[in-house]
Amino acid sequence: MFNPYTRALVGTVAKASVAEVRRAIGIAKAFRSRLTRYERYRICYQIAEALRARTEEIANLITAESGLCRRTRL
């Protein structure tokens, strides 16, 4: 990923082949979770907490990728 204005490298992402995507879809379709609703809730809650803890870092990455300015809080 590159900043559209400076062309600076912001980050990289993995690229899957069509065969890899089809295999992943097949695995996902066949998957049946053994987790309870509560266990799934706890996982989602922990992920949300981790995202909140990294809000600044994530905002900076999105800003760099889009090439837009961030509004500062007063």
C-alpha atoms as a PDB file:
ATOM      1  CA  MET A   1       0.000   0.000   0.000  1.00  0.00           C
ATOM      2  CA  PHE A   2       1.312   3.409  -0.919  1.00  0.00           C
ATOM      3  CA  ASN A   3       0.375   6.915   0.142  1.00  0.00           C
ATOM      4  CA  PRO A   4      -1.361   8.295  -2.974  1.00  0.00           C
ATOM      5  CA  TYR A   5       0.364  11.674  -2.698  1.00  0.00           C
ATOM      6  CA  THR A   6       3.910  10.910  -1.563  1.00  0.00           C
ATOM      7  CA  ARG A   7       4.061   7.346  -2.971  1.00  0.00           C
ATOM      8  CA  ALA A   8       5.709   6.319   0.315  1.00  0.00           C
ATOM      9  CA  LEU A   9       5.269   2.660   1.222  1.00  0.00           C
ATOM     10  CA  VAL A  10       2.712   2.445   4.029  1.00  0.00           C
ATOM     11  CA  GLY A  11       2.395  -1.319   4.393  1.00  0.00           C
ATOM     12  CA  THR A  12       2.142  -4.651   2.644  1.00  0.00           C
ATOM     13  CA  VAL A  13      -0.538  -7.314   2.399  1.00  0.00           C
ATOM     14  CA  ALA A  14      -0.391 -10.962   1.431  1.00  0.00           C
ATOM     15  CA  LYS A  15      -1.805 -11.976  -1.935  1.00  0.00           C
ATOM     16  CA  ALA A  16      -3.578 -15.314  -2.326  1.00  0.00           C
ATOM     17  CA  SER A  17      -4.025 -17.251  -5.530  1.00  0.00           C
ATOM     18  CA  VAL A  18      -7.487 -18.187  -6.795  1.00  0.00           C
ATOM     19  CA  ALA A  19      -6.861 -21.787  -5.701  1.00  0.00           C
ATOM     20  CA  GLU A  20      -5.898 -20.653  -2.194  1.00  0.00           C
ATOM     21  CA  VAL A  21      -9.042 -18.539  -1.909  1.00  0.00           C
ATOM     22  CA  ARG A  22     -11.247 -21.417  -3.088  1.00  0.00           C
ATOM     23  CA  ARG A  23      -9.598 -23.775  -0.587  1.00  0.00           C
ATOM     24  CA  ALA A  24     -10.116 -21.258   2.239  1.00  0.00           C
ATOM     25  CA  ILE A  25     -13.785 -20.830   1.300  1.00  0.00           C
ATOM     26  CA  GLY A  26     -14.268 -24.599   1.323  1.00  0.00           C
ATOM     27  CA  ILE A  27     -12.692 -24.891   4.759  1.00  0.00           C
ATOM     28  CA  ALA A  28     -14.815 -22.010   6.072  1.00  0.00           C
ATOM     29  CA  LYS A  29     -18.029 -23.563   4.736  1.00  0.00           C
ATOM     30  CA  ALA A  30     -17.256 -26.889   6.419  1.00  0.00           C
ATOM     31  CA  PHE A  31     -16.289 -25.325   9.756  1.00  0.00           C
ATOM     32  CA  ARG A  32     -18.589 -25.753  12.751  1.00  0.00           C
ATOM     33  CA  SER A  33     -17.650 -23.844  15.883  1.00  0.00           C
ATOM     34  CA  ARG A  34     -17.480 -25.659  19.189  1.00  0.00           C
ATOM     35  CA  LEU A  35     -17.480 -22.395  21.119  1.00  0.00           C
ATOM     36  CA  THR A  36     -20.437 -21.301  23.188  1.00  0.00           C
ATOM     37  CA  ARG A  37     -22.118 -17.965  22.573  1.00  0.00           C
ATOM     38  CA  TYR A  38     -20.440 -16.629  25.688  1.00  0.00           C
ATOM     39  CA  GLU A  39     -16.991 -17.748  24.501  1.00  0.00           C
ATOM     40  CA  ARG A  40     -17.557 -16.053  21.130  1.00  0.00           C
ATOM     41  CA  TYR A  41     -18.727 -12.913  22.949  1.00  0.00           C
ATOM     42  CA  ARG A  42     -15.566 -12.881  25.098  1.00  0.00           C
ATOM     43  CA  ILE A  43     -13.345 -13.222  22.026  1.00  0.00           C
ATOM     44  CA  CYS A  44     -15.140 -10.356  20.266  1.00  0.00           C
ATOM     45  CA  TYR A  45     -14.939  -8.231  23.417  1.00  0.00           C
ATOM     46  CA  GLN A  46     -11.188  -8.845  23.747  1.00  0.00           C
ATOM     47  CA  ILE A  47     -10.657  -7.925  20.105  1.00  0.00           C
ATOM     48  CA  ALA A  48     -12.642  -4.713  20.594  1.00  0.00           C
ATOM     49  CA  GLU A  49     -10.494  -3.852  23.624  1.00  0.00           C
ATOM     50  CA  ALA A  50      -7.302  -4.473  21.633  1.00  0.00           C
ATOM     51  CA  LEU A  51      -8.558  -2.224  18.825  1.00  0.00           C
ATOM     52  CA  ARG A  52      -9.450   0.547  21.297  1.00  0.00           C
ATOM     53  CA  ALA A  53      -5.958   0.315  22.790  1.00  0.00           C
ATOM     54  CA  ARG A  54      -4.423   0.826  19.324  1.00  0.00           C
ATOM     55  CA  THR A  55      -6.788   3.543  18.070  1.00  0.00           C
ATOM     56  CA  GLU A  56      -4.030   6.088  17.468  1.00  0.00           C
ATOM     57  CA  GLU A  57      -1.823   3.613  15.610  1.00  0.00           C
ATOM     58  CA  ILE A  58      -4.724   2.425  13.428  1.00  0.00           C
ATOM     59  CA  ALA A  59      -5.829   6.002  12.696  1.00  0.00           C
ATOM     60  CA  ASN A  60      -2.291   6.918  11.635  1.00  0.00           C
ATOM     61  CA  LEU A  61      -2.103   3.907   9.301  1.00  0.00           C
ATOM     62  CA  ILE A  62      -5.473   4.674   7.678  1.00  0.00           C
ATOM     63  CA  THR A  63      -4.457   8.317   7.286  1.00  0.00           C
ATOM     64  CA  ALA A  64      -1.136   7.404   5.684  1.00  0.00           C
ATOM     65  CA  GLU A  65      -2.800   4.910   3.344  1.00  0.00           C
ATOM     66  CA  SER A  66      -5.486   7.343   2.211  1.00  0.00           C
ATOM     67  CA  GLY A  67      -3.177  10.369   2.047  1.00  0.00           C
ATOM     68  CA  LEU A  68      -5.694  12.474   3.933  1.00  0.00           C
ATOM     69  CA  CYS A  69      -5.130  14.763   6.895  1.00  0.00           C
ATOM     70  CA  ARG A  70      -6.304  13.932  10.378  1.00  0.00           C
ATOM     71  CA  ARG A  71      -8.417  16.409  12.256  1.00  0.00           C
ATOM     72  CA  THR A  72      -6.872  17.164  15.608  1.00  0.00           C
ATOM     73  CA  ARG A  73      -9.019  17.375  18.680  1.00  0.00           C
ATOM     74  CA  LEU A  74      -9.147  20.682  20.453  1.00  0.00           C
END
